[in-house]
Amino acid sequence: MSDDDAAVPAAPRRRKKEPKRVLLRLDPAVHEAIAKWAADDLRSINAQIEFALRRALEDAGRGPR
């Protein structure tokens, strides 16, 4: 590293938004149905639940801004 390199400030790091964590209790039949749906769409169960919640929010006109 040269003296010129020391004068160049490092690029600011963007902080990644930490996702909120939620404990969700599901009926076993609902969990099984979501797991099958997620597998069909090649998603994790968590991603499938978030997908369904986002769709429901948009349908209700309450999507994230």
N, C-alpha and C. Protein backbone atom coordinates (compact mmCIF):
# COMPACT_ATOMS: atom_id res chain seq x y z
N MET A 1 0.85 -1.18 0.00
CA MET A 1 0.00 0.00 0.00
C MET A 1 0.88 1.23 0.00
N SER A 2 0.56 2.19 -0.84
CA SER A 2 1.34 3.42 -0.93
C SER A 2 0.72 4.48 -0.02
N ASP A 3 1.43 5.59 0.12
CA ASP A 3 0.90 6.69 0.93
C ASP A 3 -0.38 7.25 0.32
N ASP A 4 -0.49 7.21 -1.01
CA ASP A 4 -1.70 7.71 -1.68
C ASP A 4 -2.92 6.87 -1.32
N ASP A 5 -2.73 5.56 -1.15
CA ASP A 5 -3.85 4.68 -0.82
C ASP A 5 -4.41 4.98 0.56
N ALA A 6 -3.58 5.42 1.47
CA ALA A 6 -4.02 5.70 2.83
C ALA A 6 -4.96 6.90 2.87
N ALA A 7 -4.85 7.80 1.90
CA ALA A 7 -5.67 9.01 1.89
C ALA A 7 -7.07 8.76 1.34
N VAL A 8 -7.27 7.64 0.68
CA VAL A 8 -8.58 7.34 0.08
C VAL A 8 -9.47 6.70 1.14
N PRO A 9 -10.58 7.36 1.47
CA PRO A 9 -11.46 6.77 2.49
C PRO A 9 -12.13 5.50 1.96
N ALA A 10 -12.36 4.59 2.86
CA ALA A 10 -13.05 3.35 2.49
C ALA A 10 -14.50 3.66 2.17
N ALA A 11 -15.07 2.91 1.27
CA ALA A 11 -16.48 3.08 0.92
C ALA A 11 -17.33 2.77 2.15
N PRO A 12 -18.35 3.58 2.40
CA PRO A 12 -19.20 3.29 3.57
C PRO A 12 -19.93 1.97 3.39
N ARG A 13 -20.03 1.24 4.46
CA ARG A 13 -20.74 -0.04 4.42
C ARG A 13 -22.21 0.19 4.69
N ARG A 14 -23.02 -0.42 3.86
CA ARG A 14 -24.47 -0.32 4.08
C ARG A 14 -24.88 -1.40 5.04
N ARG A 15 -25.65 -1.03 6.01
CA ARG A 15 -26.14 -2.03 6.96
C ARG A 15 -27.34 -2.73 6.36
N LYS A 16 -27.26 -4.03 6.34
CA LYS A 16 -28.37 -4.82 5.83
C LYS A 16 -29.47 -4.82 6.88
N LYS A 17 -30.70 -4.61 6.43
CA LYS A 17 -31.81 -4.63 7.38
C LYS A 17 -31.97 -6.03 7.93
N GLU A 18 -31.97 -6.13 9.24
CA GLU A 18 -32.18 -7.42 9.89
C GLU A 18 -33.65 -7.77 9.78
N PRO A 19 -33.96 -8.96 9.30
CA PRO A 19 -35.37 -9.34 9.23
C PRO A 19 -35.94 -9.53 10.64
N LYS A 20 -37.19 -9.20 10.78
CA LYS A 20 -37.88 -9.42 12.06
C LYS A 20 -38.13 -10.91 12.22
N ARG A 21 -38.04 -11.37 13.43
CA ARG A 21 -38.28 -12.79 13.70
C ARG A 21 -39.63 -12.93 14.40
N VAL A 22 -40.37 -13.94 13.97
CA VAL A 22 -41.69 -14.19 14.52
C VAL A 22 -41.83 -15.68 14.80
N LEU A 23 -42.28 -15.99 15.98
CA LEU A 23 -42.59 -17.38 16.31
C LEU A 23 -44.02 -17.63 15.85
N LEU A 24 -44.20 -18.61 15.00
CA LEU A 24 -45.51 -18.88 14.42
C LEU A 24 -45.91 -20.31 14.73
N ARG A 25 -47.04 -20.47 15.39
CA ARG A 25 -47.54 -21.81 15.68
C ARG A 25 -48.59 -22.14 14.63
N LEU A 26 -48.42 -23.28 13.98
CA LEU A 26 -49.32 -23.69 12.91
C LEU A 26 -49.94 -25.04 13.22
N ASP A 27 -51.17 -25.21 12.77
CA ASP A 27 -51.80 -26.52 12.78
C ASP A 27 -50.94 -27.43 11.91
N PRO A 28 -50.69 -28.66 12.31
CA PRO A 28 -49.84 -29.55 11.52
C PRO A 28 -50.32 -29.72 10.07
N ALA A 29 -51.62 -29.72 9.85
CA ALA A 29 -52.13 -29.87 8.48
C ALA A 29 -51.81 -28.63 7.64
N VAL A 30 -51.86 -27.45 8.25
CA VAL A 30 -51.52 -26.21 7.55
C VAL A 30 -50.03 -26.22 7.23
N HIS A 31 -49.21 -26.63 8.19
CA HIS A 31 -47.76 -26.70 7.96
C HIS A 31 -47.45 -27.66 6.81
N GLU A 32 -48.10 -28.79 6.80
CA GLU A 32 -47.87 -29.78 5.73
C GLU A 32 -48.27 -29.21 4.37
N ALA A 33 -49.40 -28.52 4.32
CA ALA A 33 -49.85 -27.94 3.05
C ALA A 33 -48.87 -26.86 2.57
N ILE A 34 -48.38 -26.03 3.49
CA ILE A 34 -47.41 -25.00 3.11
C ILE A 34 -46.11 -25.64 2.66
N ALA A 35 -45.68 -26.69 3.35
CA ALA A 35 -44.44 -27.38 2.98
C ALA A 35 -44.54 -27.96 1.57
N LYS A 36 -45.68 -28.55 1.24
CA LYS A 36 -45.88 -29.10 -0.12
C LYS A 36 -45.89 -27.99 -1.16
N TRP A 37 -46.58 -26.90 -0.86
CA TRP A 37 -46.64 -25.76 -1.77
C TRP A 37 -45.23 -25.19 -1.98
N ALA A 38 -44.48 -25.04 -0.89
CA ALA A 38 -43.12 -24.51 -0.98
C ALA A 38 -42.24 -25.42 -1.84
N ALA A 39 -42.35 -26.71 -1.65
CA ALA A 39 -41.55 -27.66 -2.44
C ALA A 39 -41.91 -27.56 -3.92
N ASP A 40 -43.19 -27.43 -4.21
CA ASP A 40 -43.63 -27.29 -5.61
C ASP A 40 -43.05 -26.04 -6.26
N ASP A 41 -42.90 -24.97 -5.48
CA ASP A 41 -42.39 -23.70 -5.99
C ASP A 41 -40.89 -23.52 -5.77
N LEU A 42 -40.24 -24.57 -5.28
CA LEU A 42 -38.79 -24.55 -5.00
C LEU A 42 -38.42 -23.42 -4.05
N ARG A 43 -39.21 -23.26 -2.99
CA ARG A 43 -38.95 -22.25 -1.96
C ARG A 43 -38.83 -22.95 -0.61
N SER A 44 -38.22 -22.26 0.33
CA SER A 44 -38.23 -22.74 1.71
C SER A 44 -39.62 -22.47 2.29
N ILE A 45 -39.93 -23.12 3.37
CA ILE A 45 -41.22 -22.88 4.03
C ILE A 45 -41.31 -21.42 4.45
N ASN A 46 -40.22 -20.88 5.01
CA ASN A 46 -40.20 -19.49 5.43
C ASN A 46 -40.49 -18.55 4.25
N ALA A 47 -39.81 -18.78 3.12
CA ALA A 47 -40.02 -17.94 1.94
C ALA A 47 -41.45 -18.07 1.42
N GLN A 48 -42.02 -19.26 1.51
CA GLN A 48 -43.39 -19.47 1.04
C GLN A 48 -44.38 -18.72 1.91
N ILE A 49 -44.16 -18.74 3.22
CA ILE A 49 -45.05 -18.01 4.13
C ILE A 49 -44.94 -16.52 3.85
N GLU A 50 -43.72 -16.01 3.68
CA GLU A 50 -43.56 -14.58 3.38
C GLU A 50 -44.20 -14.23 2.04
N PHE A 51 -44.05 -15.09 1.04
CA PHE A 51 -44.69 -14.88 -0.27
C PHE A 51 -46.21 -14.77 -0.11
N ALA A 52 -46.80 -15.70 0.63
CA ALA A 52 -48.26 -15.71 0.82
C ALA A 52 -48.71 -14.47 1.60
N LEU A 53 -47.95 -14.09 2.62
CA LEU A 53 -48.31 -12.90 3.40
C LEU A 53 -48.21 -11.63 2.55
N ARG A 54 -47.16 -11.52 1.75
CA ARG A 54 -47.03 -10.34 0.88
C ARG A 54 -48.18 -10.26 -0.12
N ARG A 55 -48.55 -11.41 -0.69
CA ARG A 55 -49.66 -11.44 -1.64
C ARG A 55 -50.96 -11.01 -0.95
N ALA A 56 -51.19 -11.52 0.25
CA ALA A 56 -52.40 -11.16 1.00
C ALA A 56 -52.41 -9.66 1.33
N LEU A 57 -51.25 -9.12 1.71
CA LEU A 57 -51.17 -7.70 2.01
C LEU A 57 -51.47 -6.85 0.77
N GLU A 58 -50.91 -7.23 -0.36
CA GLU A 58 -51.16 -6.49 -1.60
C GLU A 58 -52.63 -6.58 -2.00
N ASP A 59 -53.22 -7.77 -1.88
CA ASP A 59 -54.64 -7.95 -2.22
C ASP A 59 -55.53 -7.08 -1.34
N ALA A 60 -55.10 -6.85 -0.09
CA ALA A 60 -55.88 -6.04 0.85
C ALA A 60 -55.53 -4.55 0.75
N GLY A 61 -54.62 -4.21 -0.17
CA GLY A 61 -54.21 -2.81 -0.30
C GLY A 61 -53.35 -2.34 0.86
N ARG A 62 -52.65 -3.25 1.50
CA ARG A 62 -51.84 -2.91 2.66
C ARG A 62 -50.38 -3.33 2.50
N GLY A 63 -49.92 -3.41 1.27
CA GLY A 63 -48.55 -3.84 1.00
C GLY A 63 -47.52 -2.91 1.62
N PRO A 64 -46.31 -3.42 1.84
CA PRO A 64 -45.24 -2.57 2.40
C PRO A 64 -44.90 -1.44 1.44
N ARG A 65 -44.56 -0.31 2.00
CA ARG A 65 -44.27 0.88 1.19
C ARG A 65 -42.80 1.05 1.01
